[in-house]
Amino acid sequence: MPAPARTDATVAVPPARPNRLPPPARDPTPARRGPSHAVISVPDSHRRTYRHGMTVASAVAVLVGVLALATVLGLLLRARTGRARRTRPRDTSTTAADPATADLAPSEAFGTDATLVQFSTPTCARCPATRRQLDAVAAANPGVTRLEIDLAERPELARRFAVMQTPTVLLLDRSRAVHTRFGGPPRPAELTAALDTVLTAAAPTPGDESP
């Protein structure tokens, strides 16, 4: 019996599929996220506004400080204005004229017992009222006169007598020495007290009176 004929047939084999693992099971509990550090980007316009705000705040703080300092200085100056300041006492045993005040006016312009010297300037707003005040005091006390000196005409006297404001009033005794000074319009009570001290010292003692 003849052998069966061989036939060459090609059998197509499908490619092998990769083994796929099943997806992991999901945990029903939601995961907790740790703290995150977010970087916030500030626009340039906001940065300029921030810097401008700091500049305005600094300027306001400086302005408030300057105003506070000016207020304190104003209160101190007001507290000292018109107050009597006693100068260093001079030897009263001599009647020789004080050379520091000898050139303020002619000799006959000084009072025999006391002299009120007022330093003024053309722009001084309080000087006219002070002039009337001193004139009334001089009229009420014999032997007392008032002198007024314009510092615009004699500026060297401002340095000699340390005049820092006008009016400034000097009370001279009978030897023309500066007994008391007032920065600003004199306070009436303090002016009266200082003048009484000068007039009391100028009054002759009973033993000096002629018979």
C-alpha atoms as a PDB file:
ATOM      1  CA  MET A   1       0.000   0.000   0.000  1.00  0.00           C
ATOM      2  CA  PRO A   2       1.627   3.193  -0.982  1.00  0.00           C
ATOM      3  CA  ALA A   3       2.686   5.710   1.779  1.00  0.00           C
ATOM      4  CA  PRO A   4       0.567   8.774   2.162  1.00  0.00           C
ATOM      5  CA  ALA A   5       1.973  11.868   0.557  1.00  0.00           C
ATOM      6  CA  ARG A   6       3.627  14.453   2.938  1.00  0.00           C
ATOM      7  CA  THR A   7       2.204  17.821   2.771  1.00  0.00           C
ATOM      8  CA  ASP A   8       4.134  20.883   4.120  1.00  0.00           C
ATOM      9  CA  ALA A   9       1.591  23.057   5.875  1.00  0.00           C
ATOM     10  CA  THR A  10       2.485  26.179   7.988  1.00  0.00           C
ATOM     11  CA  VAL A  11       0.455  26.604  11.087  1.00  0.00           C
ATOM     12  CA  ALA A  12       0.124  30.224  12.340  1.00  0.00           C
ATOM     13  CA  VAL A  13       0.824  30.460  16.061  1.00  0.00           C
ATOM     14  CA  PRO A  14      -0.618  33.551  17.797  1.00  0.00           C
ATOM     15  CA  PRO A  15       1.929  35.688  19.755  1.00  0.00           C
ATOM     16  CA  ALA A  16       2.161  35.111  23.434  1.00  0.00           C
ATOM     17  CA  ARG A  17       0.413  37.679  25.587  1.00  0.00           C
ATOM     18  CA  PRO A  18       2.383  39.239  28.474  1.00  0.00           C
ATOM     19  CA  ASN A  19       1.283  38.282  31.877  1.00  0.00           C
ATOM     20  CA  ARG A  20      -0.600  41.279  33.362  1.00  0.00           C
ATOM     21  CA  LEU A  21      -0.791  41.639  37.111  1.00  0.00           C
ATOM     22  CA  PRO A  22      -4.106  42.584  38.550  1.00  0.00           C
ATOM     23  CA  PRO A  23      -4.364  46.204  39.801  1.00  0.00           C
ATOM     24  CA  PRO A  24      -3.717  46.621  43.517  1.00  0.00           C
ATOM     25  CA  ALA A  25      -6.696  46.883  45.720  1.00  0.00           C
ATOM     26  CA  ARG A  26      -7.601  50.446  46.768  1.00  0.00           C
ATOM     27  CA  ASP A  27      -7.665  51.365  50.437  1.00  0.00           C
ATOM     28  CA  PRO A  28     -11.109  52.712  51.273  1.00  0.00           C
ATOM     29  CA  THR A  29      -9.534  55.045  53.894  1.00  0.00           C
ATOM     30  CA  PRO A  30      -8.522  58.361  52.252  1.00  0.00           C
ATOM     31  CA  ALA A  31      -4.853  59.072  52.472  1.00  0.00           C
ATOM     32  CA  ARG A  32      -3.691  61.951  54.719  1.00  0.00           C
ATOM     33  CA  ARG A  33      -1.590  64.545  53.080  1.00  0.00           C
ATOM     34  CA  GLY A  34       1.257  66.149  54.920  1.00  0.00           C
ATOM     35  CA  PRO A  35       1.729  69.908  55.197  1.00  0.00           C
ATOM     36  CA  SER A  36       2.671  71.579  51.974  1.00  0.00           C
ATOM     37  CA  HIS A  37       4.780  74.679  51.589  1.00  0.00           C
ATOM     38  CA  ALA A  38       3.304  76.787  48.864  1.00  0.00           C
ATOM     39  CA  VAL A  39       5.332  79.578  47.316  1.00  0.00           C
ATOM     40  CA  ILE A  40       3.203  82.657  46.711  1.00  0.00           C
ATOM     41  CA  SER A  41       4.414  84.938  44.004  1.00  0.00           C
ATOM     42  CA  VAL A  42       3.767  88.625  44.750  1.00  0.00           C
ATOM     43  CA  PRO A  43       3.311  90.795  41.685  1.00  0.00           C
ATOM     44  CA  ASP A  44       5.727  93.663  41.221  1.00  0.00           C
ATOM     45  CA  SER A  45       2.913  96.203  41.512  1.00  0.00           C
ATOM     46  CA  HIS A  46       2.025  94.883  44.977  1.00  0.00           C
ATOM     47  CA  ARG A  47       5.649  95.010  46.022  1.00  0.00           C
ATOM     48  CA  ARG A  48       5.869  98.645  44.989  1.00  0.00           C
ATOM     49  CA  THR A  49       2.692  99.406  46.899  1.00  0.00           C
ATOM     50  CA  TYR A  50       4.080  97.724  50.016  1.00  0.00           C
ATOM     51  CA  ARG A  51       7.298  99.687  49.848  1.00  0.00           C
ATOM     52  CA  HIS A  52       5.373 102.906  49.252  1.00  0.00           C
ATOM     53  CA  GLY A  53       3.178 102.155  52.259  1.00  0.00           C
ATOM     54  CA  MET A  54       6.217 101.665  54.479  1.00  0.00           C
ATOM     55  CA  THR A  55       7.670 104.973  53.264  1.00  0.00           C
ATOM     56  CA  VAL A  56       4.468 106.853  54.069  1.00  0.00           C
ATOM     57  CA  ALA A  57       4.269 105.225  57.511  1.00  0.00           C
ATOM     58  CA  SER A  58       7.858 106.227  58.267  1.00  0.00           C
ATOM     59  CA  ALA A  59       7.212 109.788  57.148  1.00  0.00           C
ATOM     60  CA  VAL A  60       4.116 110.010  59.335  1.00  0.00           C
ATOM     61  CA  ALA A  61       6.052 108.673  62.323  1.00  0.00           C
ATOM     62  CA  VAL A  62       8.808 111.262  61.813  1.00  0.00           C
ATOM     63  CA  LEU A  63       6.237 114.042  61.452  1.00  0.00           C
ATOM     64  CA  VAL A  64       4.494 113.020  64.671  1.00  0.00           C
ATOM     65  CA  GLY A  65       7.831 112.971  66.494  1.00  0.00           C
ATOM     66  CA  VAL A  66       8.755 116.448  65.234  1.00  0.00           C
ATOM     67  CA  LEU A  67       5.373 117.851  66.250  1.00  0.00           C
ATOM     68  CA  ALA A  68       5.677 116.317  69.711  1.00  0.00           C
ATOM     69  CA  LEU A  69       9.165 117.801  70.161  1.00  0.00           C
ATOM     70  CA  ALA A  70       7.990 121.220  68.968  1.00  0.00           C
ATOM     71  CA  THR A  71       5.072 121.098  71.400  1.00  0.00           C
ATOM     72  CA  VAL A  72       7.357 120.284  74.332  1.00  0.00           C
ATOM     73  CA  LEU A  73       9.791 123.059  73.409  1.00  0.00           C
ATOM     74  CA  GLY A  74       6.908 125.505  73.014  1.00  0.00           C
ATOM     75  CA  LEU A  75       5.572 124.659  76.457  1.00  0.00           C
ATOM     76  CA  LEU A  76       9.017 125.060  78.014  1.00  0.00           C
ATOM     77  CA  LEU A  77       9.525 128.409  76.285  1.00  0.00           C
ATOM     78  CA  ARG A  78       6.104 129.621  77.394  1.00  0.00           C
ATOM     79  CA  ALA A  79       6.835 128.570  80.970  1.00  0.00           C
ATOM     80  CA  ARG A  80      10.047 130.642  80.966  1.00  0.00           C
ATOM     81  CA  THR A  81       8.701 133.684  79.106  1.00  0.00           C
ATOM     82  CA  GLY A  82       8.467 136.746  81.308  1.00  0.00           C
ATOM     83  CA  ARG A  83      10.069 135.081  84.315  1.00  0.00           C
ATOM     84  CA  ALA A  84      12.572 137.066  86.371  1.00  0.00           C
ATOM     85  CA  ARG A  85      16.155 135.816  86.192  1.00  0.00           C
ATOM     86  CA  ARG A  86      18.470 137.230  88.797  1.00  0.00           C
ATOM     87  CA  THR A  87      21.979 137.937  87.551  1.00  0.00           C
ATOM     88  CA  ARG A  88      25.176 137.645  89.521  1.00  0.00           C
ATOM     89  CA  PRO A  89      25.089 140.241  92.306  1.00  0.00           C
ATOM     90  CA  ARG A  90      27.479 143.132  92.028  1.00  0.00           C
ATOM     91  CA  ASP A  91      29.271 144.897  94.841  1.00  0.00           C
ATOM     92  CA  THR A  92      26.764 147.514  95.998  1.00  0.00           C
ATOM     93  CA  SER A  93      29.303 149.411  98.081  1.00  0.00           C
ATOM     94  CA  THR A  94      30.414 151.288  94.995  1.00  0.00           C
ATOM     95  CA  THR A  95      28.319 153.728  93.016  1.00  0.00           C
ATOM     96  CA  ALA A  96      30.565 153.674  89.948  1.00  0.00           C
ATOM     97  CA  ALA A  97      28.689 153.049  86.716  1.00  0.00           C
ATOM     98  CA  ASP A  98      28.892 149.565  85.276  1.00  0.00           C
ATOM     99  CA  PRO A  99      31.022 149.740  82.096  1.00  0.00           C
ATOM    100  CA  ALA A 100      28.875 147.051  80.422  1.00  0.00           C
ATOM    101  CA  THR A 101      25.895 149.416  80.312  1.00  0.00           C
ATOM    102  CA  ALA A 102      27.652 152.768  80.237  1.00  0.00           C
ATOM    103  CA  ASP A 103      27.250 153.191  76.467  1.00  0.00           C
ATOM    104  CA  LEU A 104      23.556 152.297  76.297  1.00  0.00           C
ATOM    105  CA  ALA A 105      22.456 155.902  76.644  1.00  0.00           C
ATOM    106  CA  PRO A 106      23.627 159.261  77.970  1.00  0.00           C
ATOM    107  CA  SER A 107      24.077 159.461  81.729  1.00  0.00           C
ATOM    108  CA  GLU A 108      21.052 161.670  82.241  1.00  0.00           C
ATOM    109  CA  ALA A 109      18.800 159.059  80.590  1.00  0.00           C
ATOM    110  CA  PHE A 110      19.336 156.573  83.420  1.00  0.00           C
ATOM    111  CA  GLY A 111      17.191 156.614  86.515  1.00  0.00           C
ATOM    112  CA  THR A 112      18.681 157.702  89.805  1.00  0.00           C
ATOM    113  CA  ASP A 113      17.448 154.547  91.551  1.00  0.00           C
ATOM    114  CA  ALA A 114      16.659 152.052  88.779  1.00  0.00           C
ATOM    115  CA  THR A 115      16.422 151.815  85.003  1.00  0.00           C
ATOM    116  CA  LEU A 116      14.269 149.550  82.859  1.00  0.00           C
ATOM    117  CA  VAL A 117      16.049 148.791  79.567  1.00  0.00           C
ATOM    118  CA  GLN A 118      13.886 147.315  76.820  1.00  0.00           C
ATOM    119  CA  PHE A 119      15.476 145.699  73.766  1.00  0.00           C
ATOM    120  CA  SER A 120      13.136 145.767  70.774  1.00  0.00           C
ATOM    121  CA  THR A 121      13.080 145.206  67.029  1.00  0.00           C
ATOM    122  CA  PRO A 122      10.880 146.776  64.328  1.00  0.00           C
ATOM    123  CA  THR A 123       9.012 143.494  63.770  1.00  0.00           C
ATOM    124  CA  CYS A 124       8.406 142.765  67.464  1.00  0.00           C
ATOM    125  CA  ALA A 125       4.648 142.335  67.969  1.00  0.00           C
ATOM    126  CA  ARG A 126       4.772 142.322  71.781  1.00  0.00           C
ATOM    127  CA  CYS A 127       7.099 145.293  72.194  1.00  0.00           C
ATOM    128  CA  PRO A 128       4.414 148.062  72.150  1.00  0.00           C
ATOM    129  CA  ALA A 129       2.491 146.426  74.998  1.00  0.00           C
ATOM    130  CA  THR A 130       5.726 145.971  76.961  1.00  0.00           C
ATOM    131  CA  ARG A 131       6.589 149.629  76.346  1.00  0.00           C
ATOM    132  CA  ARG A 132       3.279 150.737  77.861  1.00  0.00           C
ATOM    133  CA  GLN A 133       3.744 148.371  80.794  1.00  0.00           C
ATOM    134  CA  LEU A 134       7.212 149.702  81.625  1.00  0.00           C
ATOM    135  CA  ASP A 135       6.149 153.314  81.172  1.00  0.00           C
ATOM    136  CA  ALA A 136       3.380 152.796  83.721  1.00  0.00           C
ATOM    137  CA  VAL A 137       5.823 151.219  86.190  1.00  0.00           C
ATOM    138  CA  ALA A 138       8.339 154.039  85.753  1.00  0.00           C
ATOM    139  CA  ALA A 139       5.633 156.677  86.198  1.00  0.00           C
ATOM    140  CA  ALA A 140       4.496 155.081  89.442  1.00  0.00           C
ATOM    141  CA  ASN A 141       8.002 154.930  90.955  1.00  0.00           C
ATOM    142  CA  PRO A 142      10.083 158.130  91.293  1.00  0.00           C
ATOM    143  CA  GLY A 143      13.712 157.666  90.367  1.00  0.00           C
ATOM    144  CA  VAL A 144      12.884 154.961  87.783  1.00  0.00           C
ATOM    145  CA  THR A 145      13.133 155.521  84.021  1.00  0.00           C
ATOM    146  CA  ARG A 146      12.693 153.401  80.927  1.00  0.00           C
ATOM    147  CA  LEU A 147      15.087 153.105  78.002  1.00  0.00           C
ATOM    148  CA  GLU A 148      14.249 151.402  74.711  1.00  0.00           C
ATOM    149  CA  ILE A 149      16.982 150.250  72.362  1.00  0.00           C
ATOM    150  CA  ASP A 150      16.361 149.085  68.803  1.00  0.00           C
ATOM    151  CA  LEU A 151      18.592 146.087  68.131  1.00  0.00           C
ATOM    152  CA  ALA A 152      18.288 146.681  64.398  1.00  0.00           C
ATOM    153  CA  GLU A 153      20.322 149.859  64.931  1.00  0.00           C
ATOM    154  CA  ARG A 154      22.682 148.381  67.533  1.00  0.00           C
ATOM    155  CA  PRO A 155      22.994 144.653  66.786  1.00  0.00           C
ATOM    156  CA  GLU A 156      26.203 144.327  68.818  1.00  0.00           C
ATOM    157  CA  LEU A 157      24.184 144.668  72.013  1.00  0.00           C
ATOM    158  CA  ALA A 158      22.289 141.454  71.257  1.00  0.00           C
ATOM    159  CA  ARG A 159      25.526 139.496  71.562  1.00  0.00           C
ATOM    160  CA  ARG A 160      26.776 141.440  74.565  1.00  0.00           C
ATOM    161  CA  PHE A 161      23.625 140.821  76.593  1.00  0.00           C
ATOM    162  CA  ALA A 162      22.747 137.421  75.040  1.00  0.00           C
ATOM    163  CA  VAL A 163      19.377 138.633  73.742  1.00  0.00           C
ATOM    164  CA  MET A 164      17.545 135.635  72.249  1.00  0.00           C
ATOM    165  CA  GLN A 165      14.105 137.196  71.859  1.00  0.00           C
ATOM    166  CA  THR A 166      12.361 140.529  71.865  1.00  0.00           C
ATOM    167  CA  PRO A 167      11.291 142.127  73.966  1.00  0.00           C
ATOM    168  CA  THR A 168      14.019 141.474  76.495  1.00  0.00           C
ATOM    169  CA  VAL A 169      13.994 143.698  79.567  1.00  0.00           C
ATOM    170  CA  LEU A 170      16.909 144.440  81.878  1.00  0.00           C
ATOM    171  CA  LEU A 171      16.425 145.948  85.319  1.00  0.00           C
ATOM    172  CA  LEU A 172      19.428 148.068  86.248  1.00  0.00           C
ATOM    173  CA  ASP A 173      20.159 149.229  89.769  1.00  0.00           C
ATOM    174  CA  ARG A 174      21.427 152.687  90.690  1.00  0.00           C
ATOM    175  CA  SER A 175      24.976 151.753  89.659  1.00  0.00           C
ATOM    176  CA  ARG A 176      23.575 150.709  86.247  1.00  0.00           C
ATOM    177  CA  ALA A 177      24.447 147.062  86.841  1.00  0.00           C
ATOM    178  CA  VAL A 178      22.069 144.408  85.548  1.00  0.00           C
ATOM    179  CA  HIS A 179      20.090 143.146  88.530  1.00  0.00           C
ATOM    180  CA  THR A 180      17.338 141.122  86.816  1.00  0.00           C
ATOM    181  CA  ARG A 181      16.483 140.191  83.255  1.00  0.00           C
ATOM    182  CA  PHE A 182      13.218 139.147  81.650  1.00  0.00           C
ATOM    183  CA  GLY A 183      12.923 137.198  78.406  1.00  0.00           C
ATOM    184  CA  GLY A 184       9.668 138.379  76.886  1.00  0.00           C
ATOM    185  CA  PRO A 185       7.096 140.697  78.443  1.00  0.00           C
ATOM    186  CA  PRO A 186       7.787 140.774  82.202  1.00  0.00           C
ATOM    187  CA  ARG A 187       5.242 139.168  84.470  1.00  0.00           C
ATOM    188  CA  PRO A 188       3.828 142.029  86.540  1.00  0.00           C
ATOM    189  CA  ALA A 189       4.179 140.333  89.917  1.00  0.00           C
ATOM    190  CA  GLU A 190       7.791 139.332  89.300  1.00  0.00           C
ATOM    191  CA  LEU A 191       8.682 142.736  87.871  1.00  0.00           C
ATOM    192  CA  THR A 192       7.225 144.466  90.927  1.00  0.00           C
ATOM    193  CA  ALA A 193       9.104 142.159  93.303  1.00  0.00           C
ATOM    194  CA  ALA A 194      12.425 142.677  91.521  1.00  0.00           C
ATOM    195  CA  LEU A 195      11.953 146.454  91.350  1.00  0.00           C
ATOM    196  CA  ASP A 196      11.086 146.617  95.052  1.00  0.00           C
ATOM    197  CA  THR A 197      14.340 144.804  95.835  1.00  0.00           C
ATOM    198  CA  VAL A 198      16.348 147.330  93.805  1.00  0.00           C
ATOM    199  CA  LEU A 199      14.538 150.345  95.257  1.00  0.00           C
ATOM    200  CA  THR A 200      14.950 149.045  98.804  1.00  0.00           C
ATOM    201  CA  ALA A 201      18.692 148.706  98.275  1.00  0.00           C
ATOM    202  CA  ALA A 202      18.824 152.216  96.789  1.00  0.00           C
ATOM    203  CA  ALA A 203      16.944 153.809  99.684  1.00  0.00           C
ATOM    204  CA  PRO A 204      19.256 155.563 102.150  1.00  0.00           C
ATOM    205  CA  THR A 205      19.537 154.092 105.632  1.00  0.00           C
ATOM    206  CA  PRO A 206      18.524 156.236 108.601  1.00  0.00           C
ATOM    207  CA  GLY A 207      22.172 156.739 109.592  1.00  0.00           C
ATOM    208  CA  ASP A 208      23.043 158.090 106.163  1.00  0.00           C
ATOM    209  CA  GLU A 209      20.379 160.789 106.175  1.00  0.00           C
ATOM    210  CA  SER A 210      21.557 164.319 106.635  1.00  0.00           C
ATOM    211  CA  PRO A 211      20.261 166.160 109.731  1.00  0.00           C
END
